[in-house]
PDB file of N, CA and C in Angstrom:
ATOM      1  N   MET A   1     140.689 117.039  63.053  1.00  0.00           N
ATOM      2  CA  MET A   1     139.972 115.997  62.351  1.00  0.00           C
ATOM      3  C   MET A   1     140.813 114.729  62.223  1.00  0.00           C
ATOM      4  N   ILE A   2     142.121 114.880  61.999  1.00  0.00           N
ATOM      5  CA  ILE A   2     142.954 113.703  61.817  1.00  0.00           C
ATOM      6  C   ILE A   2     142.997 112.847  63.078  1.00  0.00           C
ATOM      7  N   ASN A   3     142.886 113.472  64.261  1.00  0.00           N
ATOM      8  CA  ASN A   3     142.872 112.690  65.490  1.00  0.00           C
ATOM      9  C   ASN A   3     141.656 111.772  65.534  1.00  0.00           C
ATOM     10  N   ARG A   4     140.513 112.271  65.062  1.00  0.00           N
ATOM     11  CA  ARG A   4     139.307 111.442  65.010  1.00  0.00           C
ATOM     12  C   ARG A   4     139.499 110.286  64.034  1.00  0.00           C
ATOM     13  N   ILE A   5     140.123 110.584  62.912  1.00  0.00           N
ATOM     14  CA  ILE A   5     140.314 109.561  61.884  1.00  0.00           C
ATOM     15  C   ILE A   5     141.285 108.478  62.348  1.00  0.00           C
ATOM     16  N   THR A   6     142.339 108.854  63.040  1.00  0.00           N
ATOM     17  CA  THR A   6     143.343 107.867  63.442  1.00  0.00           C
ATOM     18  C   THR A   6     143.035 107.199  64.776  1.00  0.00           C
ATOM     19  N   GLN A   7     141.977 107.631  65.451  1.00  0.00           N
ATOM     20  CA  GLN A   7     141.608 107.023  66.732  1.00  0.00           C
ATOM     21  C   GLN A   7     141.292 105.546  66.522  1.00  0.00           C
ATOM     22  N   GLY A   8     141.958 104.702  67.255  1.00  0.00           N
ATOM     23  CA  GLY A   8     141.751 103.267  67.160  1.00  0.00           C
ATOM     24  C   GLY A   8     142.580 102.603  66.070  1.00  0.00           C
ATOM     25  N   MET A   9     143.315 103.384  65.282  1.00  0.00           N
ATOM     26  CA  MET A   9     144.124 102.824  64.198  1.00  0.00           C
ATOM     27  C   MET A   9     145.164 101.865  64.764  1.00  0.00           C
ATOM     28  N   ILE A  10     145.280 100.712  64.145  1.00  0.00           N
ATOM     29  CA  ILE A  10     146.283  99.724  64.547  1.00  0.00           C
ATOM     30  C   ILE A  10     147.300  99.612  63.420  1.00  0.00           C
ATOM     31  N   THR A  11     148.559  99.901  63.740  1.00  0.00           N
ATOM     32  CA  THR A  11     149.641  99.774  62.770  1.00  0.00           C
ATOM     33  C   THR A  11     150.262  98.399  62.952  1.00  0.00           C
ATOM     34  N   HIS A  12     150.155  97.557  61.942  1.00  0.00           N
ATOM     35  CA  HIS A  12     150.676  96.191  62.020  1.00  0.00           C
ATOM     36  C   HIS A  12     152.117  96.108  61.537  1.00  0.00           C
ATOM     37  N   GLU A  13     152.417  96.821  60.461  1.00  0.00           N
ATOM     38  CA  GLU A  13     153.778  96.865  59.922  1.00  0.00           C
ATOM     39  C   GLU A  13     154.013  98.244  59.336  1.00  0.00           C
ATOM     40  N   GLN A  14     155.271  98.665  59.388  1.00  0.00           N
ATOM     41  CA  GLN A  14     155.627  99.972  58.838  1.00  0.00           C
ATOM     42  C   GLN A  14     157.044  99.887  58.298  1.00  0.00           C
ATOM     43  N   SER A  15     157.221 100.354  57.074  1.00  0.00           N
ATOM     44  CA  SER A  15     158.541 100.360  56.455  1.00  0.00           C
ATOM     45  C   SER A  15     158.755 101.702  55.773  1.00  0.00           C
ATOM     46  N   LEU A  16     159.840 102.348  56.102  1.00  0.00           N
ATOM     47  CA  LEU A  16     160.214 103.612  55.478  1.00  0.00           C
ATOM     48  C   LEU A  16     161.534 103.403  54.761  1.00  0.00           C
ATOM     49  N   ASN A  17     161.585 103.814  53.501  1.00  0.00           N
ATOM     50  CA  ASN A  17     162.810 103.681  52.729  1.00  0.00           C
ATOM     51  C   ASN A  17     162.966 104.932  51.887  1.00  0.00           C
ATOM     52  N   GLY A  18     163.718 105.899  52.398  1.00  0.00           N
ATOM     53  CA  GLY A  18     163.880 107.166  51.693  1.00  0.00           C
ATOM     54  C   GLY A  18     162.552 107.891  51.589  1.00  0.00           C
ATOM     55  N   ASN A  19     162.059 108.050  50.376  1.00  0.00           N
ATOM     56  CA  ASN A  19     160.789 108.749  50.170  1.00  0.00           C
ATOM     57  C   ASN A  19     159.626 107.777  49.936  1.00  0.00           C
ATOM     58  N   GLU A  20     159.822 106.516  50.295  1.00  0.00           N
ATOM     59  CA  GLU A  20     158.782 105.513  50.100  1.00  0.00           C
ATOM     60  C   GLU A  20     158.290 104.971  51.431  1.00  0.00           C
ATOM     61  N   LEU A  21     156.981 104.823  51.515  1.00  0.00           N
ATOM     62  CA  LEU A  21     156.331 104.329  52.722  1.00  0.00           C
ATOM     63  C   LEU A  21     155.511 103.102  52.371  1.00  0.00           C
ATOM     64  N   ASP A  22     155.557 102.122  53.249  1.00  0.00           N
ATOM     65  CA  ASP A  22     154.725 100.931  53.130  1.00  0.00           C
ATOM     66  C   ASP A  22     154.224 100.631  54.536  1.00  0.00           C
ATOM     67  N   VAL A  23     152.921 100.779  54.758  1.00  0.00           N
ATOM     68  CA  VAL A  23     152.362 100.582  56.092  1.00  0.00           C
ATOM     69  C   VAL A  23     151.108  99.715  55.991  1.00  0.00           C
ATOM     70  N   THR A  24     150.975  98.777  56.927  1.00  0.00           N
ATOM     71  CA  THR A  24     149.797  97.915  56.992  1.00  0.00           C
ATOM     72  C   THR A  24     149.005  98.294  58.235  1.00  0.00           C
ATOM     73  N   LEU A  25     147.711  98.559  58.033  1.00  0.00           N
ATOM     74  CA  LEU A  25     146.843  99.089  59.077  1.00  0.00           C
ATOM     75  C   LEU A  25     145.555  98.293  59.179  1.00  0.00           C
ATOM     76  N   SER A  26     144.839  98.556  60.267  1.00  0.00           N
ATOM     77  CA  SER A  26     143.444  98.127  60.401  1.00  0.00           C
ATOM     78  C   SER A  26     142.781  99.041  61.422  1.00  0.00           C
ATOM     79  N   PHE A  27     141.461  99.015  61.421  1.00  0.00           N
ATOM     80  CA  PHE A  27     140.660  99.774  62.380  1.00  0.00           C
ATOM     81  C   PHE A  27     139.631  98.836  62.984  1.00  0.00           C
ATOM     82  N   PRO A  28     139.473  98.860  64.311  1.00  0.00           N
ATOM     83  CA  PRO A  28     138.449  98.018  64.933  1.00  0.00           C
ATOM     84  C   PRO A  28     137.037  98.524  64.610  1.00  0.00           C
ATOM     85  N   THR A  29     136.077  97.677  64.785  1.00  0.00           N
ATOM     86  CA  THR A  29     134.677  97.991  64.488  1.00  0.00           C
ATOM     87  C   THR A  29     134.198  99.245  65.194  1.00  0.00           C
ATOM     88  N   ASP A  30     134.651  99.476  66.424  1.00  0.00           N
ATOM     89  CA  ASP A  30     134.153 100.620  67.202  1.00  0.00           C
ATOM     90  C   ASP A  30     134.918 101.917  66.945  1.00  0.00           C
ATOM     91  N   SER A  31     135.815 101.930  65.955  1.00  0.00           N
ATOM     92  CA  SER A  31     136.561 103.151  65.644  1.00  0.00           C
ATOM     93  C   SER A  31     135.619 104.219  65.102  1.00  0.00           C
ATOM     94  N   PRO A  32     135.797 105.480  65.518  1.00  0.00           N
ATOM     95  CA  PRO A  32     134.959 106.575  65.009  1.00  0.00           C
ATOM     96  C   PRO A  32     135.066 106.775  63.497  1.00  0.00           C
ATOM     97  N   ILE A  33     136.103 106.217  62.878  1.00  0.00           N
ATOM     98  CA  ILE A  33     136.272 106.391  61.437  1.00  0.00           C
ATOM     99  C   ILE A  33     135.108 105.782  60.651  1.00  0.00           C
ATOM    100  N   PHE A  34     134.398 104.833  61.261  1.00  0.00           N
ATOM    101  CA  PHE A  34     133.286 104.181  60.573  1.00  0.00           C
ATOM    102  C   PHE A  34     131.932 104.851  60.848  1.00  0.00           C
ATOM    103  N   ALA A  35     131.910 105.828  61.727  1.00  0.00           N
ATOM    104  CA  ALA A  35     130.644 106.499  62.067  1.00  0.00           C
ATOM    105  C   ALA A  35     130.047 107.142  60.820  1.00  0.00           C
ATOM    106  N   GLY A  36     128.814 106.796  60.509  1.00  0.00           N
ATOM    107  CA  GLY A  36     128.114 107.389  59.378  1.00  0.00           C
ATOM    108  C   GLY A  36     128.342 106.692  58.050  1.00  0.00           C
ATOM    109  N   HIS A  37     129.190 105.672  58.025  1.00  0.00           N
ATOM    110  CA  HIS A  37     129.477 104.954  56.766  1.00  0.00           C
ATOM    111  C   HIS A  37     129.378 103.452  56.969  1.00  0.00           C
ATOM    112  N   PHE A  38     128.502 102.805  57.010  1.00  0.00           N
ATOM    113  CA  PHE A  38     127.054 102.933  57.111  1.00  0.00           C
ATOM    114  C   PHE A  38     126.632 102.074  58.270  1.00  0.00           C
ATOM    115  N   ALA A  39     125.544 102.339  58.912  1.00  0.00           N
ATOM    116  CA  ALA A  39     125.170 101.661  60.154  1.00  0.00           C
ATOM    117  C   ALA A  39     125.079 100.141  59.973  1.00  0.00           C
ATOM    118  N   GLN A  40     124.508  99.676  58.882  1.00  0.00           N
ATOM    119  CA  GLN A  40     124.325  98.235  58.678  1.00  0.00           C
ATOM    120  C   GLN A  40     125.568  97.540  58.121  1.00  0.00           C
ATOM    121  N   MET A  41     126.415  98.300  57.440  1.00  0.00           N
ATOM    122  CA  MET A  41     127.649  97.734  56.872  1.00  0.00           C
ATOM    123  C   MET A  41     128.716  98.814  56.861  1.00  0.00           C
ATOM    124  N   PRO A  42     129.429  98.993  57.981  1.00  0.00           N
ATOM    125  CA  PRO A  42     130.441 100.047  58.038  1.00  0.00           C
ATOM    126  C   PRO A  42     131.584  99.802  57.046  1.00  0.00           C
ATOM    127  N   ILE A  43     131.995 100.883  56.376  1.00  0.00           N
ATOM    128  CA  ILE A  43     133.129 100.831  55.453  1.00  0.00           C
ATOM    129  C   ILE A  43     134.041 102.025  55.724  1.00  0.00           C
ATOM    130  N   LEU A  44     135.284 101.884  55.324  1.00  0.00           N
ATOM    131  CA  LEU A  44     136.237 102.986  55.432  1.00  0.00           C
ATOM    132  C   LEU A  44     136.029 103.888  54.214  1.00  0.00           C
ATOM    133  N   ALA A  45     135.503 105.086  54.448  1.00  0.00           N
ATOM    134  CA  ALA A  45     135.183 106.014  53.360  1.00  0.00           C
ATOM    135  C   ALA A  45     136.435 106.353  52.550  1.00  0.00           C
ATOM    136  N   GLY A  46     136.247 106.548  51.258  1.00  0.00           N
ATOM    137  CA  GLY A  46     137.359 106.876  50.369  1.00  0.00           C
ATOM    138  C   GLY A  46     138.078 108.155  50.776  1.00  0.00           C
ATOM    139  N   ALA A  47     137.317 109.153  51.212  1.00  0.00           N
ATOM    140  CA  ALA A  47     137.940 110.415  51.642  1.00  0.00           C
ATOM    141  C   ALA A  47     138.873 110.178  52.827  1.00  0.00           C
ATOM    142  N   TYR A  48     138.480 109.288  53.733  1.00  0.00           N
ATOM    143  CA  TYR A  48     139.336 108.984  54.882  1.00  0.00           C
ATOM    144  C   TYR A  48     140.587 108.225  54.438  1.00  0.00           C
ATOM    145  N   GLN A  49     140.460 107.377  53.424  1.00  0.00           N
ATOM    146  CA  GLN A  49     141.633 106.679  52.912  1.00  0.00           C
ATOM    147  C   GLN A  49     142.671 107.688  52.418  1.00  0.00           C
ATOM    148  N   LEU A  50     142.198 108.726  51.728  1.00  0.00           N
ATOM    149  CA  LEU A  50     143.108 109.749  51.214  1.00  0.00           C
ATOM    150  C   LEU A  50     143.714 110.580  52.351  1.00  0.00           C
ATOM    151  N   LEU A  51     142.916 110.888  53.361  1.00  0.00           N
ATOM    152  CA  LEU A  51     143.447 111.612  54.524  1.00  0.00           C
ATOM    153  C   LEU A  51     144.493 110.784  55.270  1.00  0.00           C
ATOM    154  N   LEU A  52     144.310 109.469  55.292  1.00  0.00           N
ATOM    155  CA  LEU A  52     145.313 108.608  55.923  1.00  0.00           C
ATOM    156  C   LEU A  52     146.643 108.684  55.167  1.00  0.00           C
ATOM    157  N   CYS A  53     146.586 108.788  53.852  1.00  0.00           N
ATOM    158  CA  CYS A  53     147.822 108.961  53.067  1.00  0.00           C
ATOM    159  C   CYS A  53     148.531 110.247  53.479  1.00  0.00           C
ATOM    160  N   GLN A  54     147.779 111.332  53.590  1.00  0.00           N
ATOM    161  CA  GLN A  54     148.365 112.605  54.012  1.00  0.00           C
ATOM    162  C   GLN A  54     148.940 112.483  55.422  1.00  0.00           C
ATOM    163  N   HIS A  55     148.205 111.838  56.324  1.00  0.00           N
ATOM    164  CA  HIS A  55     148.669 111.648  57.700  1.00  0.00           C
ATOM    165  C   HIS A  55     150.021 110.924  57.726  1.00  0.00           C
ATOM    166  N   TRP A  56     150.144 109.845  56.965  1.00  0.00           N
ATOM    167  CA  TRP A  56     151.387 109.088  56.981  1.00  0.00           C
ATOM    168  C   TRP A  56     152.525 109.850  56.315  1.00  0.00           C
ATOM    169  N   ALA A  57     152.226 110.661  55.309  1.00  0.00           N
ATOM    170  CA  ALA A  57     153.268 111.513  54.717  1.00  0.00           C
ATOM    171  C   ALA A  57     153.777 112.510  55.756  1.00  0.00           C
ATOM    172  N   GLU A  58     152.851 113.091  56.530  1.00  0.00           N
ATOM    173  CA  GLU A  58     153.254 114.023  57.584  1.00  0.00           C
ATOM    174  C   GLU A  58     154.142 113.334  58.614  1.00  0.00           C
ATOM    175  N   ARG A  59     153.809 112.103  58.962  1.00  0.00           N
ATOM    176  CA  ARG A  59     154.641 111.359  59.926  1.00  0.00           C
ATOM    177  C   ARG A  59     156.020 111.078  59.347  1.00  0.00           C
ATOM    178  N   LEU A  60     156.060 110.692  58.085  1.00  0.00           N
ATOM    179  CA  LEU A  60     157.333 110.374  57.445  1.00  0.00           C
ATOM    180  C   LEU A  60     158.232 111.603  57.366  1.00  0.00           C
ATOM    181  N   LEU A  61     157.640 112.734  57.001  1.00  0.00           N
ATOM    182  CA  LEU A  61     158.408 113.967  56.809  1.00  0.00           C
ATOM    183  C   LEU A  61     158.562 114.795  58.076  1.00  0.00           C
ATOM    184  N   ASN A  62     157.788 114.452  59.101  1.00  0.00           N
ATOM    185  CA  ASN A  62     157.747 115.211  60.342  1.00  0.00           C
ATOM    186  C   ASN A  62     157.399 116.671  60.072  1.00  0.00           C
ATOM    187  N   LYS A  63     156.400 116.880  59.188  1.00  0.00           N
ATOM    188  CA  LYS A  63     155.937 118.214  58.808  1.00  0.00           C
ATOM    189  C   LYS A  63     154.434 118.190  58.641  1.00  0.00           C
ATOM    190  N   ARG A  64     153.791 119.332  58.921  1.00  0.00           N
ATOM    191  CA  ARG A  64     152.362 119.494  58.643  1.00  0.00           C
ATOM    192  C   ARG A  64     152.198 119.817  57.167  1.00  0.00           C
ATOM    193  N   LEU A  65     151.214 119.191  56.534  1.00  0.00           N
ATOM    194  CA  LEU A  65     150.948 119.417  55.120  1.00  0.00           C
ATOM    195  C   LEU A  65     149.540 119.951  54.929  1.00  0.00           C
ATOM    196  N   ARG A  66     149.391 120.809  53.939  1.00  0.00           N
ATOM    197  CA  ARG A  66     148.092 121.377  53.588  1.00  0.00           C
ATOM    198  C   ARG A  66     147.735 120.861  52.197  1.00  0.00           C
ATOM    199  N   LEU A  67     146.556 120.284  52.087  1.00  0.00           N
ATOM    200  CA  LEU A  67     146.091 119.726  50.834  1.00  0.00           C
ATOM    201  C   LEU A  67     145.963 120.797  49.759  1.00  0.00           C
ATOM    202  N   LYS A  68     146.516 120.523  48.589  1.00  0.00           N
ATOM    203  CA  LYS A  68     146.417 121.439  47.451  1.00  0.00           C
ATOM    204  C   LYS A  68     145.461 120.876  46.398  1.00  0.00           C
ATOM    205  N   SER A  69     145.620 119.592  46.048  1.00  0.00           N
ATOM    206  CA  SER A  69     144.737 118.967  45.066  1.00  0.00           C
ATOM    207  C   SER A  69     144.819 117.446  45.160  1.00  0.00           C
ATOM    208  N   ILE A  70     143.782 116.820  44.648  1.00  0.00           N
ATOM    209  CA  ILE A  70     143.738 115.360  44.541  1.00  0.00           C
ATOM    210  C   ILE A  70     143.346 115.044  43.108  1.00  0.00           C
ATOM    211  N   SER A  71     144.094 114.158  42.467  1.00  0.00           N
ATOM    212  CA  SER A  71     143.784 113.791  41.086  1.00  0.00           C
ATOM    213  C   SER A  71     144.032 112.301  40.876  1.00  0.00           C
ATOM    214  N   LYS A  72     143.647 111.841  39.710  1.00  0.00           N
ATOM    215  CA  LYS A  72     143.871 110.443  39.314  1.00  0.00           C
ATOM    216  C   LYS A  72     143.397 109.480  40.390  1.00  0.00           C
ATOM    217  N   THR A  73     142.229 109.767  40.952  1.00  0.00           N
ATOM    218  CA  THR A  73     141.701 108.956  42.052  1.00  0.00           C
ATOM    219  C   THR A  73     140.768 107.882  41.511  1.00  0.00           C
ATOM    220  N   ARG A  74     140.992 106.648  41.953  1.00  0.00           N
ATOM    221  CA  ARG A  74     140.096 105.538  41.648  1.00  0.00           C
ATOM    222  C   ARG A  74     139.911 104.726  42.922  1.00  0.00           C
ATOM    223  N   LEU A  75     138.674 104.563  43.315  1.00  0.00           N
ATOM    224  CA  LEU A  75     138.332 103.720  44.460  1.00  0.00           C
ATOM    225  C   LEU A  75     137.626 102.497  43.894  1.00  0.00           C
ATOM    226  N   SER A  76     138.200 101.320  44.120  1.00  0.00           N
ATOM    227  CA  SER A  76     137.679 100.130  43.450  1.00  0.00           C
ATOM    228  C   SER A  76     137.391  98.963  44.380  1.00  0.00           C
ATOM    229  N   GLY A  77     137.394  99.207  45.681  1.00  0.00           N
ATOM    230  CA  GLY A  77     137.112  98.132  46.619  1.00  0.00           C
ATOM    231  C   GLY A  77     136.770  98.686  47.984  1.00  0.00           C
ATOM    232  N   LEU A  78     136.187  97.848  48.822  1.00  0.00           N
ATOM    233  CA  LEU A  78     135.770  98.256  50.161  1.00  0.00           C
ATOM    234  C   LEU A  78     136.779  97.792  51.198  1.00  0.00           C
ATOM    235  N   ILE A  79     136.964  98.615  52.224  1.00  0.00           N
ATOM    236  CA  ILE A  79     137.745  98.228  53.396  1.00  0.00           C
ATOM    237  C   ILE A  79     136.776  98.222  54.564  1.00  0.00           C
ATOM    238  N   LEU A  80     136.642  97.072  55.194  1.00  0.00           N
ATOM    239  CA  LEU A  80     135.696  96.869  56.288  1.00  0.00           C
ATOM    240  C   LEU A  80     136.427  96.898  57.626  1.00  0.00           C
ATOM    241  N   PRO A  81     135.685  97.033  58.734  1.00  0.00           N
ATOM    242  CA  PRO A  81     136.316  96.991  60.057  1.00  0.00           C
ATOM    243  C   PRO A  81     137.128  95.705  60.243  1.00  0.00           C
ATOM    244  N   ASN A  82     138.239  95.826  60.916  1.00  0.00           N
ATOM    245  CA  ASN A  82     139.142  94.732  61.276  1.00  0.00           C
ATOM    246  C   ASN A  82     139.908  94.139  60.097  1.00  0.00           C
ATOM    247  N   GLU A  83     139.711  94.649  58.885  1.00  0.00           N
ATOM    248  CA  GLU A  83     140.452  94.137  57.735  1.00  0.00           C
ATOM    249  C   GLU A  83     141.804  94.835  57.627  1.00  0.00           C
ATOM    250  N   LEU A  84     142.826  94.048  57.332  1.00  0.00           N
ATOM    251  CA  LEU A  84     144.147  94.623  57.087  1.00  0.00           C
ATOM    252  C   LEU A  84     144.157  95.265  55.710  1.00  0.00           C
ATOM    253  N   PHE A  85     144.772  96.440  55.630  1.00  0.00           N
ATOM    254  CA  PHE A  85     144.995  97.070  54.334  1.00  0.00           C
ATOM    255  C   PHE A  85     146.358  97.725  54.365  1.00  0.00           C
ATOM    256  N   GLN A  86     146.898  97.957  53.182  1.00  0.00           N
ATOM    257  CA  GLN A  86     148.267  98.432  53.049  1.00  0.00           C
ATOM    258  C   GLN A  86     148.276  99.722  52.233  1.00  0.00           C
ATOM    259  N   ILE A  87     148.975 100.710  52.742  1.00  0.00           N
ATOM    260  CA  ILE A  87     149.209 101.948  52.009  1.00  0.00           C
ATOM    261  C   ILE A  87     150.644 101.916  51.501  1.00  0.00           C
ATOM    262  N   LYS A  88     150.805 102.065  50.187  1.00  0.00           N
ATOM    263  CA  LYS A  88     152.124 102.201  49.575  1.00  0.00           C
ATOM    264  C   LYS A  88     152.166 103.580  48.940  1.00  0.00           C
ATOM    265  N   MET A  89     153.179 104.342  49.304  1.00  0.00           N
ATOM    266  CA  MET A  89     153.222 105.729  48.858  1.00  0.00           C
ATOM    267  C   MET A  89     154.655 106.149  48.540  1.00  0.00           C
ATOM    268  N   THR A  90     154.780 106.927  47.470  1.00  0.00           N
ATOM    269  CA  THR A  90     156.048 107.557  47.118  1.00  0.00           C
ATOM    270  C   THR A  90     155.837 109.065  47.188  1.00  0.00           C
ATOM    271  N   ILE A  91     156.761 109.760  47.830  1.00  0.00           N
ATOM    272  CA  ILE A  91     156.672 111.208  47.991  1.00  0.00           C
ATOM    273  C   ILE A  91     157.772 111.851  47.161  1.00  0.00           C
ATOM    274  N   THR A  92     157.360 112.765  46.276  1.00  0.00           N
ATOM    275  CA  THR A  92     158.328 113.489  45.459  1.00  0.00           C
ATOM    276  C   THR A  92     158.106 114.989  45.616  1.00  0.00           C
ATOM    277  N   SER A  93     159.174 115.731  45.442  1.00  0.00           N
ATOM    278  CA  SER A  93     159.111 117.180  45.567  1.00  0.00           C
ATOM    279  C   SER A  93     158.964 117.800  44.183  1.00  0.00           C
ATOM    280  N   ASP A  94     158.030 118.729  44.079  1.00  0.00           N
ATOM    281  CA  ASP A  94     157.801 119.473  42.834  1.00  0.00           C
ATOM    282  C   ASP A  94     158.201 120.918  43.107  1.00  0.00           C
ATOM    283  N   SER A  95     159.483 121.205  42.930  1.00  0.00           N
ATOM    284  CA  SER A  95     159.990 122.542  43.272  1.00  0.00           C
ATOM    285  C   SER A  95     159.405 123.626  42.368  1.00  0.00           C
ATOM    286  N   GLU A  96     159.045 123.275  41.148  1.00  0.00           N
ATOM    287  CA  GLU A  96     158.459 124.258  40.230  1.00  0.00           C
ATOM    288  C   GLU A  96     157.142 124.818  40.778  1.00  0.00           C
ATOM    289  N   ASN A  97     156.344 123.957  41.410  1.00  0.00           N
ATOM    290  CA  ASN A  97     155.060 124.381  41.969  1.00  0.00           C
ATOM    291  C   ASN A  97     155.089 124.498  43.490  1.00  0.00           C
ATOM    292  N   SER A  98     156.259 124.386  44.088  1.00  0.00           N
ATOM    293  CA  SER A  98     156.429 124.480  45.543  1.00  0.00           C
ATOM    294  C   SER A  98     155.477 123.550  46.296  1.00  0.00           C
ATOM    295  N   CYS A  99     155.434 122.296  45.872  1.00  0.00           N
ATOM    296  CA  CYS A  99     154.560 121.351  46.566  1.00  0.00           C
ATOM    297  C   CYS A  99     155.181 119.959  46.560  1.00  0.00           C
ATOM    298  N   LEU A 100     154.563 119.078  47.312  1.00  0.00           N
ATOM    299  CA  LEU A 100     154.949 117.675  47.358  1.00  0.00           C
ATOM    300  C   LEU A 100     153.861 116.862  46.669  1.00  0.00           C
ATOM    301  N   THR A 101     154.273 115.810  45.973  1.00  0.00           N
ATOM    302  CA  THR A 101     153.323 114.917  45.333  1.00  0.00           C
ATOM    303  C   THR A 101     153.363 113.575  46.057  1.00  0.00           C
ATOM    304  N   LEU A 102     152.208 113.140  46.519  1.00  0.00           N
ATOM    305  CA  LEU A 102     152.062 111.845  47.183  1.00  0.00           C
ATOM    306  C   LEU A 102     151.406 110.900  46.185  1.00  0.00           C
ATOM    307  N   SER A 103     152.135 109.922  45.715  1.00  0.00           N
ATOM    308  CA  SER A 103     151.585 108.912  44.809  1.00  0.00           C
ATOM    309  C   SER A 103     151.181 107.728  45.667  1.00  0.00           C
ATOM    310  N   CYS A 104     149.878 107.555  45.851  1.00  0.00           N
ATOM    311  CA  CYS A 104     149.347 106.606  46.833  1.00  0.00           C
ATOM    312  C   CYS A 104     148.625 105.442  46.171  1.00  0.00           C
ATOM    313  N   LYS A 105     148.872 104.257  46.706  1.00  0.00           N
ATOM    314  CA  LYS A 105     148.125 103.064  46.319  1.00  0.00           C
ATOM    315  C   LYS A 105     147.732 102.352  47.600  1.00  0.00           C
ATOM    316  N   ILE A 106     146.493 101.894  47.654  1.00  0.00           N
ATOM    317  CA  ILE A 106     146.005 101.178  48.826  1.00  0.00           C
ATOM    318  C   ILE A 106     145.578  99.786  48.377  1.00  0.00           C
ATOM    319  N   PHE A 107     146.030  98.781  49.132  1.00  0.00           N
ATOM    320  CA  PHE A 107     145.777  97.385  48.792  1.00  0.00           C
ATOM    321  C   PHE A 107     145.069  96.675  49.945  1.00  0.00           C
ATOM    322  N   LYS A 108     144.265  95.685  49.593  1.00  0.00           N
ATOM    323  CA  LYS A 108     143.671  94.762  50.560  1.00  0.00           C
ATOM    324  C   LYS A 108     143.807  93.378  49.956  1.00  0.00           C
ATOM    325  N   ASN A 109     144.393  92.463  50.690  1.00  0.00           N
ATOM    326  CA  ASN A 109     144.643  91.112  50.177  1.00  0.00           C
ATOM    327  C   ASN A 109     145.389  91.140  48.844  1.00  0.00           C
ATOM    328  N   LYS A 110     146.378  92.022  48.749  1.00  0.00           N
ATOM    329  CA  LYS A 110     147.239  92.184  47.576  1.00  0.00           C
ATOM    330  C   LYS A 110     146.506  92.692  46.336  1.00  0.00           C
ATOM    331  N   LYS A 111     145.251  93.099  46.495  1.00  0.00           N
ATOM    332  CA  LYS A 111     144.483  93.662  45.391  1.00  0.00           C
ATOM    333  C   LYS A 111     144.337  95.160  45.620  1.00  0.00           C
ATOM    334  N   ARG A 112     144.620  95.951  44.597  1.00  0.00           N
ATOM    335  CA  ARG A 112     144.510  97.396  44.737  1.00  0.00           C
ATOM    336  C   ARG A 112     143.046  97.802  44.882  1.00  0.00           C
ATOM    337  N   VAL A 113     142.771  98.599  45.945  1.00  0.00           N
ATOM    338  CA  VAL A 113     141.403  99.076  46.185  1.00  0.00           C
ATOM    339  C   VAL A 113     141.292 100.592  46.027  1.00  0.00           C
ATOM    340  N   ALA A 114     142.427 101.280  45.927  1.00  0.00           N
ATOM    341  CA  ALA A 114     142.395 102.730  45.740  1.00  0.00           C
ATOM    342  C   ALA A 114     143.735 103.189  45.182  1.00  0.00           C
ATOM    343  N   ILE A 115     143.658 104.281  44.433  1.00  0.00           N
ATOM    344  CA  ILE A 115     144.859 104.922  43.898  1.00  0.00           C
ATOM    345  C   ILE A 115     144.557 106.416  43.822  1.00  0.00           C
ATOM    346  N   ALA A 116     145.557 107.233  44.114  1.00  0.00           N
ATOM    347  CA  ALA A 116     145.366 108.688  44.040  1.00  0.00           C
ATOM    348  C   ALA A 116     146.710 109.384  43.977  1.00  0.00           C
ATOM    349  N   THR A 117     146.694 110.559  43.378  1.00  0.00           N
ATOM    350  CA  THR A 117     147.838 111.467  43.408  1.00  0.00           C
ATOM    351  C   THR A 117     147.394 112.686  44.209  1.00  0.00           C
ATOM    352  N   ILE A 118     148.102 112.951  45.283  1.00  0.00           N
ATOM    353  CA  ILE A 118     147.744 114.039  46.187  1.00  0.00           C
ATOM    354  C   ILE A 118     148.879 115.062  46.180  1.00  0.00           C
ATOM    355  N   LYS A 119     148.526 116.311  45.962  1.00  0.00           N
ATOM    356  CA  LYS A 119     149.530 117.391  46.019  1.00  0.00           C
ATOM    357  C   LYS A 119     149.282 118.186  47.300  1.00  0.00           C
ATOM    358  N   CYS A 120     150.373 118.437  48.027  1.00  0.00           N
ATOM    359  CA  CYS A 120     150.305 119.153  49.303  1.00  0.00           C
ATOM    360  C   CYS A 120     151.385 120.229  49.352  1.00  0.00           C
ATOM    361  N   LYS A 121     151.118 121.224  50.171  1.00  0.00           N
ATOM    362  CA  LYS A 121     152.126 122.248  50.488  1.00  0.00           C
ATOM    363  C   LYS A 121     152.454 122.111  51.964  1.00  0.00           C
ATOM    364  N   GLU A 122     153.657 122.474  52.312  1.00  0.00           N
ATOM    365  CA  GLU A 122     154.015 122.487  53.731  1.00  0.00           C
ATOM    366  C   GLU A 122     153.277 123.627  54.421  1.00  0.00           C
ATOM    367  N   SER A 123     152.746 123.331  55.601  1.00  0.00           N
ATOM    368  CA  SER A 123     152.021 124.377  56.370  1.00  0.00           C
ATOM    369  C   SER A 123     152.991 125.233  57.135  1.00  0.00           C
TER     370      SER A 123
END
């Protein structure tokens, strides 16, 4: 599924600093990520935004991750085709629960459009 989601993804900037990621992305109009959301006004679905956070954590850590839970999620803006958006994420280890916590914020034009806390286990 992640291959379908990342098909056509354009990475404009990427910065890795320890456990922090800052990446600027966009998707062209014809990307499959917009299929079904919605024919007259395609948008980047919130669920896909969260999967993109997991995808980038996997790239940063060079490990496959399995979703455990998503909490503290707020989606407050739309991301349209060809628009630049930025994922800022901090990854912390929760050894007590044997999982990783992804603290994710997504911005468009310096305005936050999504926030979520994602817990994952290594696959």
